[in-house]
């Protein structure tokens, strides 16, 4: 029966894992790290500082500013320049060059 062969292979793989893990822990033991011999001193100055009294927060920055006044901007005087339309012509690429006038916008 083939399922028995697979179960034997699985048991042998697990037994192999257990045996090699035991051998590995015996040959290569985990050495715990040594305790530090020198402890660095703190870089801050210990002790309390004298506290200073701070005024309470005022909310003056939340009050709206006075209403803005309307200022007049100087207007340009004079008449705007006028443009005169110029007729445009197109060239028809045939044997004879004839100009056709078109309307300008």
PDB file of N, CA and C in Angstrom:
ATOM      1  N   UNK A   1       0.837  -1.176   0.000  1.00  0.00           N
ATOM      2  CA  UNK A   1       0.000   0.000   0.000  1.00  0.00           C
ATOM      3  C   UNK A   1       0.883   1.240   0.000  1.00  0.00           C
ATOM      4  N   UNK A   2       0.650   2.131  -0.943  1.00  0.00           N
ATOM      5  CA  UNK A   2       1.552   3.267  -1.100  1.00  0.00           C
ATOM      6  C   UNK A   2       1.448   4.290   0.025  1.00  0.00           C
ATOM      7  N   UNK A   3       0.329   4.440   0.703  1.00  0.00           N
ATOM      8  CA  UNK A   3       0.217   5.438   1.764  1.00  0.00           C
ATOM      9  C   UNK A   3       1.117   5.107   2.928  1.00  0.00           C
ATOM     10  N   UNK A   4       1.431   3.821   3.136  1.00  0.00           N
ATOM     11  CA  UNK A   4       2.339   3.457   4.221  1.00  0.00           C
ATOM     12  C   UNK A   4       3.756   3.930   3.896  1.00  0.00           C
ATOM     13  N   UNK A   5       4.143   3.925   2.643  1.00  0.00           N
ATOM     14  CA  UNK A   5       5.474   4.391   2.269  1.00  0.00           C
ATOM     15  C   UNK A   5       5.622   5.882   2.577  1.00  0.00           C
ATOM     16  N   UNK A   6       4.605   6.658   2.292  1.00  0.00           N
ATOM     17  CA  UNK A   6       4.664   8.095   2.582  1.00  0.00           C
ATOM     18  C   UNK A   6       4.730   8.351   4.082  1.00  0.00           C
ATOM     19  N   UNK A   7       4.020   7.581   4.856  1.00  0.00           N
ATOM     20  CA  UNK A   7       4.049   7.796   6.305  1.00  0.00           C
ATOM     21  C   UNK A   7       5.424   7.452   6.869  1.00  0.00           C
ATOM     22  N   UNK A   8       6.079   6.438   6.311  1.00  0.00           N
ATOM     23  CA  UNK A   8       7.432   6.071   6.762  1.00  0.00           C
ATOM     24  C   UNK A   8       8.407   7.189   6.412  1.00  0.00           C
ATOM     25  N   UNK A   9       8.279   7.753   5.234  1.00  0.00           N
ATOM     26  CA  UNK A   9       9.175   8.842   4.821  1.00  0.00           C
ATOM     27  C   UNK A   9       8.979  10.054   5.723  1.00  0.00           C
ATOM     28  N   UNK A  10       7.732  10.378   6.049  1.00  0.00           N
ATOM     29  CA  UNK A  10       7.467  11.529   6.920  1.00  0.00           C
ATOM     30  C   UNK A  10       8.031  11.296   8.311  1.00  0.00           C
ATOM     31  N   UNK A  11       7.885  10.109   8.850  1.00  0.00           N
ATOM     32  CA  UNK A  11       8.435   9.792  10.180  1.00  0.00           C
ATOM     33  C   UNK A  11       9.956   9.880  10.156  1.00  0.00           C
ATOM     34  N   UNK A  12      10.598   9.398   9.102  1.00  0.00           N
ATOM     35  CA  UNK A  12      12.058   9.474   9.020  1.00  0.00           C
ATOM     36  C   UNK A  12      12.536  10.928   8.914  1.00  0.00           C
ATOM     37  N   UNK A  13      11.822  11.777   8.189  1.00  0.00           N
ATOM     38  CA  UNK A  13      12.212  13.185   8.081  1.00  0.00           C
ATOM     39  C   UNK A  13      12.093  13.869   9.439  1.00  0.00           C
ATOM     40  N   UNK A  14      11.014  13.618  10.162  1.00  0.00           N
ATOM     41  CA  UNK A  14      10.859  14.221  11.494  1.00  0.00           C
ATOM     42  C   UNK A  14      11.910  13.709  12.475  1.00  0.00           C
ATOM     43  N   UNK A  15      12.222  12.427  12.423  1.00  0.00           N
ATOM     44  CA  UNK A  15      13.260  11.877  13.302  1.00  0.00           C
ATOM     45  C   UNK A  15      14.616  12.474  12.951  1.00  0.00           C
ATOM     46  N   UNK A  16      14.884  12.668  11.667  1.00  0.00           N
ATOM     47  CA  UNK A  16      16.130  13.279  11.221  1.00  0.00           C
ATOM     48  C   UNK A  16      16.230  14.710  11.773  1.00  0.00           C
ATOM     49  N   UNK A  17      15.129  15.456  11.720  1.00  0.00           N
ATOM     50  CA  UNK A  17      15.116  16.829  12.235  1.00  0.00           C
ATOM     51  C   UNK A  17      15.421  16.846  13.735  1.00  0.00           C
ATOM     52  N   UNK A  18      14.823  15.949  14.479  1.00  0.00           N
ATOM     53  CA  UNK A  18      15.040  15.912  15.929  1.00  0.00           C
ATOM     54  C   UNK A  18      16.491  15.546  16.238  1.00  0.00           C
ATOM     55  N   UNK A  19      17.036  14.563  15.564  1.00  0.00           N
ATOM     56  CA  UNK A  19      18.413  14.126  15.832  1.00  0.00           C
ATOM     57  C   UNK A  19      19.402  15.230  15.501  1.00  0.00           C
ATOM     58  N   UNK A  20      19.265  15.859  14.342  1.00  0.00           N
ATOM     59  CA  UNK A  20      20.225  16.895  13.965  1.00  0.00           C
ATOM     60  C   UNK A  20      20.070  18.160  14.816  1.00  0.00           C
ATOM     61  N   UNK A  21      18.886  18.464  15.283  1.00  0.00           N
ATOM     62  CA  UNK A  21      18.740  19.632  16.160  1.00  0.00           C
ATOM     63  C   UNK A  21      19.393  19.386  17.520  1.00  0.00           C
ATOM     64  N   UNK A  22      19.302  18.168  18.024  1.00  0.00           N
ATOM     65  CA  UNK A  22      19.972  17.850  19.299  1.00  0.00           C
ATOM     66  C   UNK A  22      21.485  17.902  19.118  1.00  0.00           C
ATOM     67  N   UNK A  23      22.004  17.358  18.041  1.00  0.00           N
ATOM     68  CA  UNK A  23      23.449  17.391  17.787  1.00  0.00           C
ATOM     69  C   UNK A  23      23.922  18.837  17.618  1.00  0.00           C
ATOM     70  N   UNK A  24      23.127  19.644  16.939  1.00  0.00           N
ATOM     71  CA  UNK A  24      23.513  21.042  16.737  1.00  0.00           C
ATOM     72  C   UNK A  24      23.577  21.823  18.032  1.00  0.00           C
ATOM     73  N   UNK A  25      22.639  21.583  18.944  1.00  0.00           N
ATOM     74  CA  UNK A  25      22.682  22.305  20.229  1.00  0.00           C
ATOM     75  C   UNK A  25      23.828  21.819  21.102  1.00  0.00           C
ATOM     76  N   UNK A  26      24.236  20.581  20.953  1.00  0.00           N
ATOM     77  CA  UNK A  26      25.365  20.091  21.745  1.00  0.00           C
ATOM     78  C   UNK A  26      26.694  20.598  21.193  1.00  0.00           C
ATOM     79  N   UNK A  27      26.835  20.647  19.871  1.00  0.00           N
ATOM     80  CA  UNK A  27      28.102  21.080  19.278  1.00  0.00           C
ATOM     81  C   UNK A  27      28.241  22.605  19.248  1.00  0.00           C
ATOM     82  N   UNK A  28      27.155  23.311  19.056  1.00  0.00           N
ATOM     83  CA  UNK A  28      27.185  24.778  18.955  1.00  0.00           C
ATOM     84  C   UNK A  28      26.265  25.400  20.001  1.00  0.00           C
ATOM     85  N   UNK A  29      26.688  25.422  21.242  1.00  0.00           N
ATOM     86  CA  UNK A  29      25.823  25.980  22.281  1.00  0.00           C
ATOM     87  C   UNK A  29      25.689  27.507  22.120  1.00  0.00           C
ATOM     88  N   UNK A  30      24.559  28.022  22.539  1.00  0.00           N
ATOM     89  CA  UNK A  30      24.299  29.455  22.469  1.00  0.00           C
ATOM     90  C   UNK A  30      24.900  30.099  23.711  1.00  0.00           C
ATOM     91  N   UNK A  31      25.849  31.004  23.478  1.00  0.00           N
ATOM     92  CA  UNK A  31      26.509  31.676  24.588  1.00  0.00           C
ATOM     93  C   UNK A  31      25.720  32.944  24.907  1.00  0.00           C
ATOM     94  N   UNK A  32      25.279  33.101  26.148  1.00  0.00           N
ATOM     95  CA  UNK A  32      24.551  34.322  26.484  1.00  0.00           C
ATOM     96  C   UNK A  32      25.497  35.525  26.429  1.00  0.00           C
ATOM     97  N   UNK A  33      24.994  36.686  26.040  1.00  0.00           N
ATOM     98  CA  UNK A  33      25.868  37.857  25.965  1.00  0.00           C
ATOM     99  C   UNK A  33      26.336  38.266  27.362  1.00  0.00           C
ATOM    100  N   UNK A  34      27.567  38.766  27.427  1.00  0.00           N
ATOM    101  CA  UNK A  34      28.142  39.188  28.700  1.00  0.00           C
ATOM    102  C   UNK A  34      27.483  40.479  29.150  1.00  0.00           C
ATOM    103  N   UNK A  35      27.392  40.633  30.451  1.00  0.00           N
ATOM    104  CA  UNK A  35      26.822  41.849  31.013  1.00  0.00           C
ATOM    105  C   UNK A  35      27.764  43.020  30.731  1.00  0.00           C
ATOM    106  N   UNK A  36      27.251  44.203  30.489  1.00  0.00           N
ATOM    107  CA  UNK A  36      28.130  45.342  30.214  1.00  0.00           C
ATOM    108  C   UNK A  36      28.941  45.712  31.447  1.00  0.00           C
ATOM    109  N   UNK A  37      30.210  46.010  31.215  1.00  0.00           N
ATOM    110  CA  UNK A  37      31.091  46.371  32.328  1.00  0.00           C
ATOM    111  C   UNK A  37      31.067  47.868  32.591  1.00  0.00           C
ATOM    112  N   UNK A  38      30.681  48.668  31.616  1.00  0.00           N
ATOM    113  CA  UNK A  38      30.658  50.118  31.782  1.00  0.00           C
ATOM    114  C   UNK A  38      29.299  50.636  31.327  1.00  0.00           C
ATOM    115  N   UNK A  39      28.687  51.401  32.175  1.00  0.00           N
ATOM    116  CA  UNK A  39      27.394  51.987  31.830  1.00  0.00           C
ATOM    117  C   UNK A  39      27.623  53.462  31.541  1.00  0.00           C
ATOM    118  N   UNK A  40      27.141  53.899  30.396  1.00  0.00           N
ATOM    119  CA  UNK A  40      27.327  55.295  30.022  1.00  0.00           C
ATOM    120  C   UNK A  40      26.515  56.198  30.950  1.00  0.00           C
ATOM    121  N   UNK A  41      27.114  57.339  31.294  1.00  0.00           N
ATOM    122  CA  UNK A  41      26.398  58.295  32.132  1.00  0.00           C
ATOM    123  C   UNK A  41      25.386  59.056  31.279  1.00  0.00           C
ATOM    124  N   UNK A  42      24.312  59.496  31.881  1.00  0.00           N
ATOM    125  CA  UNK A  42      23.327  60.247  31.117  1.00  0.00           C
ATOM    126  C   UNK A  42      23.884  61.594  30.666  1.00  0.00           C
ATOM    127  N   UNK A  43      23.426  62.055  29.532  1.00  0.00           N
ATOM    128  CA  UNK A  43      23.927  63.316  28.999  1.00  0.00           C
ATOM    129  C   UNK A  43      23.113  64.506  29.470  1.00  0.00           C
ATOM    130  N   UNK A  44      22.026  64.281  30.155  1.00  0.00           N
ATOM    131  CA  UNK A  44      21.231  65.394  30.648  1.00  0.00           C
ATOM    132  C   UNK A  44      21.654  65.742  32.067  1.00  0.00           C
ATOM    133  N   UNK A  45      21.328  66.940  32.482  1.00  0.00           N
ATOM    134  CA  UNK A  45      21.648  67.365  33.846  1.00  0.00           C
ATOM    135  C   UNK A  45      20.474  67.008  34.759  1.00  0.00           C
ATOM    136  N   UNK A  46      20.705  66.152  35.719  1.00  0.00           N
ATOM    137  CA  UNK A  46      19.589  65.785  36.585  1.00  0.00           C
ATOM    138  C   UNK A  46      19.219  66.938  37.507  1.00  0.00           C
ATOM    139  N   UNK A  47      18.013  66.900  37.984  1.00  0.00           N
ATOM    140  CA  UNK A  47      17.544  67.947  38.894  1.00  0.00           C
ATOM    141  C   UNK A  47      16.445  68.756  38.238  1.00  0.00           C
ATOM    142  N   UNK A  48      15.646  69.409  39.058  1.00  0.00           N
ATOM    143  CA  UNK A  48      14.527  70.174  38.543  1.00  0.00           C
ATOM    144  C   UNK A  48      14.916  71.606  38.258  1.00  0.00           C
ATOM    145  N   UNK A  49      14.190  72.215  37.360  1.00  0.00           N
ATOM    146  CA  UNK A  49      14.400  73.617  37.058  1.00  0.00           C
ATOM    147  C   UNK A  49      13.283  74.424  37.700  1.00  0.00           C
ATOM    148  N   UNK A  50      13.573  75.670  37.976  1.00  0.00           N
ATOM    149  CA  UNK A  50      12.567  76.539  38.554  1.00  0.00           C
ATOM    150  C   UNK A  50      11.552  76.873  37.466  1.00  0.00           C
ATOM    151  N   UNK A  51      10.297  76.614  37.776  1.00  0.00           N
ATOM    152  CA  UNK A  51       9.258  76.860  36.797  1.00  0.00           C
ATOM    153  C   UNK A  51       8.920  78.336  36.740  1.00  0.00           C
ATOM    154  N   UNK A  52       8.606  78.808  35.564  1.00  0.00           N
ATOM    155  CA  UNK A  52       8.221  80.200  35.383  1.00  0.00           C
ATOM    156  C   UNK A  52       6.725  80.277  35.163  1.00  0.00           C
ATOM    157  N   UNK A  53       6.136  81.341  35.672  1.00  0.00           N
ATOM    158  CA  UNK A  53       4.701  81.513  35.505  1.00  0.00           C
ATOM    159  C   UNK A  53       4.438  82.062  34.101  1.00  0.00           C
ATOM    160  N   UNK A  54       3.492  81.467  33.432  1.00  0.00           N
ATOM    161  CA  UNK A  54       3.146  81.863  32.079  1.00  0.00           C
ATOM    162  C   UNK A  54       1.740  82.444  32.113  1.00  0.00           C
ATOM    163  N   UNK A  55       1.549  83.577  31.413  1.00  0.00           N
ATOM    164  CA  UNK A  55       0.228  84.187  31.356  1.00  0.00           C
ATOM    165  C   UNK A  55      -0.727  83.261  30.597  1.00  0.00           C
ATOM    166  N   UNK A  56      -1.991  83.306  30.977  1.00  0.00           N
ATOM    167  CA  UNK A  56      -2.941  82.453  30.248  1.00  0.00           C
ATOM    168  C   UNK A  56      -3.088  82.921  28.801  1.00  0.00           C
ATOM    169  N   UNK A  57      -3.487  82.013  27.970  1.00  0.00           N
ATOM    170  CA  UNK A  57      -3.615  82.295  26.549  1.00  0.00           C
ATOM    171  C   UNK A  57      -4.786  83.228  26.306  1.00  0.00           C
ATOM    172  N   UNK A  58      -4.540  84.283  25.553  1.00  0.00           N
ATOM    173  CA  UNK A  58      -5.620  85.183  25.178  1.00  0.00           C
ATOM    174  C   UNK A  58      -6.058  84.838  23.768  1.00  0.00           C
ATOM    175  N   UNK A  59      -7.296  85.117  23.491  1.00  0.00           N
ATOM    176  CA  UNK A  59      -7.840  84.762  22.192  1.00  0.00           C
ATOM    177  C   UNK A  59      -8.046  85.996  21.330  1.00  0.00           C
ATOM    178  N   UNK A  60      -7.132  86.940  21.410  1.00  0.00           N
ATOM    179  CA  UNK A  60      -7.245  88.149  20.616  1.00  0.00           C
ATOM    180  C   UNK A  60      -7.062  87.858  19.127  1.00  0.00           C
ATOM    181  N   UNK A  61      -6.341  86.818  18.824  1.00  0.00           N
ATOM    182  CA  UNK A  61      -6.107  86.510  17.423  1.00  0.00           C
ATOM    183  C   UNK A  61      -7.365  85.965  16.754  1.00  0.00           C
ATOM    184  N   UNK A  62      -8.375  85.590  17.546  1.00  0.00           N
ATOM    185  CA  UNK A  62      -9.607  85.081  16.970  1.00  0.00           C
ATOM    186  C   UNK A  62     -10.618  86.179  16.678  1.00  0.00           C
ATOM    187  N   UNK A  63     -10.427  87.365  17.240  1.00  0.00           N
ATOM    188  CA  UNK A  63     -11.393  88.437  17.004  1.00  0.00           C
ATOM    189  C   UNK A  63     -11.220  88.957  15.592  1.00  0.00           C
ATOM    190  N   UNK A  64     -12.325  89.225  14.920  1.00  0.00           N
ATOM    191  CA  UNK A  64     -12.194  89.687  13.537  1.00  0.00           C
ATOM    192  C   UNK A  64     -11.641  91.099  13.474  1.00  0.00           C
ATOM    193  N   UNK A  65     -10.959  91.368  12.396  1.00  0.00           N
ATOM    194  CA  UNK A  65     -10.414  92.701  12.199  1.00  0.00           C
ATOM    195  C   UNK A  65     -11.557  93.624  11.771  1.00  0.00           C
ATOM    196  N   UNK A  66     -11.366  94.943  11.870  1.00  0.00           N
ATOM    197  CA  UNK A  66     -12.434  95.837  11.443  1.00  0.00           C
ATOM    198  C   UNK A  66     -12.775  95.613   9.975  1.00  0.00           C
ATOM    199  N   UNK A  67     -13.988  95.946   9.619  1.00  0.00           N
ATOM    200  CA  UNK A  67     -14.430  95.682   8.249  1.00  0.00           C
ATOM    201  C   UNK A  67     -13.579  96.470   7.272  1.00  0.00           C
ATOM    202  N   UNK A  68     -13.213  95.862   6.198  1.00  0.00           N
ATOM    203  CA  UNK A  68     -12.366  96.567   5.237  1.00  0.00           C
ATOM    204  C   UNK A  68     -13.168  97.660   4.520  1.00  0.00           C
ATOM    205  N   UNK A  69     -12.492  98.725   4.196  1.00  0.00           N
ATOM    206  CA  UNK A  69     -13.140  99.814   3.471  1.00  0.00           C
ATOM    207  C   UNK A  69     -12.872  99.635   1.992  1.00  0.00           C
ATOM    208  N   UNK A  70     -13.846 100.020   1.215  1.00  0.00           N
ATOM    209  CA  UNK A  70     -13.701  99.881  -0.228  1.00  0.00           C
ATOM    210  C   UNK A  70     -12.807 100.995  -0.742  1.00  0.00           C
ATOM    211  N   UNK A  71     -11.804 100.646  -1.463  1.00  0.00           N
ATOM    212  CA  UNK A  71     -10.916 101.644  -2.047  1.00  0.00           C
ATOM    213  C   UNK A  71     -11.201 101.701  -3.541  1.00  0.00           C
ATOM    214  N   UNK A  72     -11.081 102.880  -4.061  1.00  0.00           N
ATOM    215  CA  UNK A  72     -11.315 103.024  -5.492  1.00  0.00           C
ATOM    216  C   UNK A  72     -10.001 102.890  -6.229  1.00  0.00           C
ATOM    217  N   UNK A  73     -10.068 102.177  -7.313  1.00  0.00           N
ATOM    218  CA  UNK A  73      -8.878 102.029  -8.141  1.00  0.00           C
ATOM    219  C   UNK A  73      -9.000 103.008  -9.297  1.00  0.00           C
ATOM    220  N   UNK A  74      -7.907 103.620  -9.664  1.00  0.00           N
ATOM    221  CA  UNK A  74      -7.999 104.566 -10.776  1.00  0.00           C
ATOM    222  C   UNK A  74      -8.342 103.829 -12.063  1.00  0.00           C
ATOM    223  N   UNK A  75      -9.236 104.429 -12.832  1.00  0.00           N
ATOM    224  CA  UNK A  75      -9.639 103.814 -14.091  1.00  0.00           C
ATOM    225  C   UNK A  75      -8.860 104.452 -15.225  1.00  0.00           C
ATOM    226  N   UNK A  76      -8.673 103.701 -16.260  1.00  0.00           N
ATOM    227  CA  UNK A  76      -7.952 104.216 -17.424  1.00  0.00           C
ATOM    228  C   UNK A  76      -8.889 105.116 -18.219  1.00  0.00           C
ATOM    229  N   UNK A  77      -8.394 106.263 -18.600  1.00  0.00           N
ATOM    230  CA  UNK A  77      -9.210 107.181 -19.389  1.00  0.00           C
ATOM    231  C   UNK A  77      -8.818 107.077 -20.833  1.00  0.00           C
ATOM    232  N   UNK A  78      -9.747 107.441 -21.684  1.00  0.00           N
ATOM    233  CA  UNK A  78      -9.455 107.393 -23.113  1.00  0.00           C
ATOM    234  C   UNK A  78     -10.303 106.341 -23.786  1.00  0.00           C
ATOM    235  N   UNK A  79     -10.170 106.256 -25.061  1.00  0.00           N
ATOM    236  CA  UNK A  79     -10.943 105.281 -25.815  1.00  0.00           C
ATOM    237  C   UNK A  79     -10.049 104.100 -26.167  1.00  0.00           C
ATOM    238  N   UNK A  80     -10.632 102.930 -26.192  1.00  0.00           N
ATOM    239  CA  UNK A  80      -9.811 101.770 -26.550  1.00  0.00           C
ATOM    240  C   UNK A  80      -9.425 101.839 -28.018  1.00  0.00           C
ATOM    241  N   UNK A  81      -8.305 101.290 -28.368  1.00  0.00           N
ATOM    242  CA  UNK A  81      -7.881 101.342 -29.771  1.00  0.00           C
ATOM    243  C   UNK A  81      -8.822 100.507 -30.638  1.00  0.00           C
ATOM    244  N   UNK A  82      -9.087 101.010 -31.800  1.00  0.00           N
ATOM    245  CA  UNK A  82      -9.954 100.288 -32.723  1.00  0.00           C
ATOM    246  C   UNK A  82      -9.102  99.580 -33.759  1.00  0.00           C
ATOM    247  N   UNK A  83      -9.596  98.457 -34.191  1.00  0.00           N
ATOM    248  CA  UNK A  83      -8.884  97.701 -35.220  1.00  0.00           C
ATOM    249  C   UNK A  83      -9.763  97.637 -36.451  1.00  0.00           C
ATOM    250  N   UNK A  84      -9.165  97.692 -37.569  1.00  0.00           N
ATOM    251  CA  UNK A  84      -9.903  97.580 -38.820  1.00  0.00           C
ATOM    252  C   UNK A  84      -9.688  96.189 -39.374  1.00  0.00           C
ATOM    253  N   UNK A  85     -10.759  95.529 -39.777  1.00  0.00           N
ATOM    254  CA  UNK A  85     -10.603  94.170 -40.311  1.00  0.00           C
ATOM    255  C   UNK A  85      -9.936  94.216 -41.677  1.00  0.00           C
ATOM    256  N   UNK A  86      -9.080  93.265 -41.877  1.00  0.00           N
ATOM    257  CA  UNK A  86      -8.396  93.170 -43.168  1.00  0.00           C
ATOM    258  C   UNK A  86      -8.842  91.884 -43.836  1.00  0.00           C
ATOM    259  N   UNK A  87      -9.141  91.939 -45.133  1.00  0.00           N
ATOM    260  CA  UNK A  87      -9.582  90.711 -45.815  1.00  0.00           C
ATOM    261  C   UNK A  87      -8.412  89.739 -45.980  1.00  0.00           C
ATOM    262  N   UNK A  88      -8.743  88.472 -45.813  1.00  0.00           N
ATOM    263  CA  UNK A  88      -7.736  87.414 -45.987  1.00  0.00           C
ATOM    264  C   UNK A  88      -8.026  86.692 -47.284  1.00  0.00           C
ATOM    265  N   UNK A  89      -7.020  86.144 -47.860  1.00  0.00           N
ATOM    266  CA  UNK A  89      -7.211  85.395 -49.093  1.00  0.00           C
ATOM    267  C   UNK A  89      -6.529  84.052 -48.961  1.00  0.00           C
ATOM    268  N   UNK A  90      -7.077  83.069 -49.647  1.00  0.00           N
ATOM    269  CA  UNK A  90      -6.486  81.740 -49.630  1.00  0.00           C
ATOM    270  C   UNK A  90      -6.067  81.381 -51.040  1.00  0.00           C
ATOM    271  N   UNK A  91      -5.084  80.554 -51.146  1.00  0.00           N
ATOM    272  CA  UNK A  91      -4.561  80.142 -52.447  1.00  0.00           C
ATOM    273  C   UNK A  91      -5.052  78.736 -52.718  1.00  0.00           C
ATOM    274  N   UNK A  92      -5.662  78.527 -53.872  1.00  0.00           N
ATOM    275  CA  UNK A  92      -6.121  77.205 -54.257  1.00  0.00           C
ATOM    276  C   UNK A  92      -5.010  76.562 -55.063  1.00  0.00           C
ATOM    277  N   UNK A  93      -4.531  75.411 -54.638  1.00  0.00           N
ATOM    278  CA  UNK A  93      -3.398  74.792 -55.323  1.00  0.00           C
ATOM    279  C   UNK A  93      -3.824  74.054 -56.588  1.00  0.00           C
ATOM    280  N   UNK A  94      -4.385  74.746 -57.501  1.00  0.00           N
ATOM    281  CA  UNK A  94      -4.704  74.131 -58.791  1.00  0.00           C
ATOM    282  C   UNK A  94      -3.742  74.676 -59.832  1.00  0.00           C
ATOM    283  N   UNK A  95      -4.020  74.398 -61.035  1.00  0.00           N
ATOM    284  CA  UNK A  95      -3.149  74.871 -62.099  1.00  0.00           C
ATOM    285  C   UNK A  95      -3.095  76.386 -62.151  1.00  0.00           C
ATOM    286  N   UNK A  96      -4.230  77.043 -61.940  1.00  0.00           N
ATOM    287  CA  UNK A  96      -4.262  78.509 -61.972  1.00  0.00           C
ATOM    288  C   UNK A  96      -4.334  79.008 -60.537  1.00  0.00           C
ATOM    289  N   UNK A  97      -3.576  80.020 -60.212  1.00  0.00           N
ATOM    290  CA  UNK A  97      -3.598  80.562 -58.849  1.00  0.00           C
ATOM    291  C   UNK A  97      -4.656  81.657 -58.775  1.00  0.00           C
ATOM    292  N   UNK A  98      -5.781  81.349 -58.113  1.00  0.00           N
ATOM    293  CA  UNK A  98      -6.882  82.287 -57.993  1.00  0.00           C
ATOM    294  C   UNK A  98      -7.031  82.659 -56.525  1.00  0.00           C
ATOM    295  N   UNK A  99      -7.191  83.907 -56.221  1.00  0.00           N
ATOM    296  CA  UNK A  99      -7.376  84.364 -54.847  1.00  0.00           C
ATOM    297  C   UNK A  99      -8.859  84.440 -54.555  1.00  0.00           C
ATOM    298  N   UNK A 100      -9.250  83.856 -53.401  1.00  0.00           N
ATOM    299  CA  UNK A 100     -10.649  83.894 -52.995  1.00  0.00           C
ATOM    300  C   UNK A 100     -10.720  84.703 -51.710  1.00  0.00           C
ATOM    301  N   UNK A 101     -11.426  85.822 -51.686  1.00  0.00           N
ATOM    302  CA  UNK A 101     -11.511  86.582 -50.435  1.00  0.00           C
ATOM    303  C   UNK A 101     -12.400  85.865 -49.430  1.00  0.00           C
ATOM    304  N   UNK A 102     -11.990  85.888 -48.170  1.00  0.00           N
ATOM    305  CA  UNK A 102     -12.784  85.294 -47.082  1.00  0.00           C
ATOM    306  C   UNK A 102     -13.087  86.347 -46.058  1.00  0.00           C
ATOM    307  N   UNK A 103     -14.081  86.071 -45.237  1.00  0.00           N
ATOM    308  CA  UNK A 103     -14.456  87.028 -44.197  1.00  0.00           C
ATOM    309  C   UNK A 103     -13.524  86.829 -43.002  1.00  0.00           C
ATOM    310  N   UNK A 104     -13.161  87.944 -42.387  1.00  0.00           N
ATOM    311  CA  UNK A 104     -12.317  87.862 -41.186  1.00  0.00           C
ATOM    312  C   UNK A 104     -13.218  87.881 -39.962  1.00  0.00           C
ATOM    313  N   UNK A 105     -12.797  87.312 -38.884  1.00  0.00           N
ATOM    314  CA  UNK A 105     -13.648  87.260 -37.697  1.00  0.00           C
ATOM    315  C   UNK A 105     -13.831  88.597 -37.028  1.00  0.00           C
TER     316      UNK A 105
END
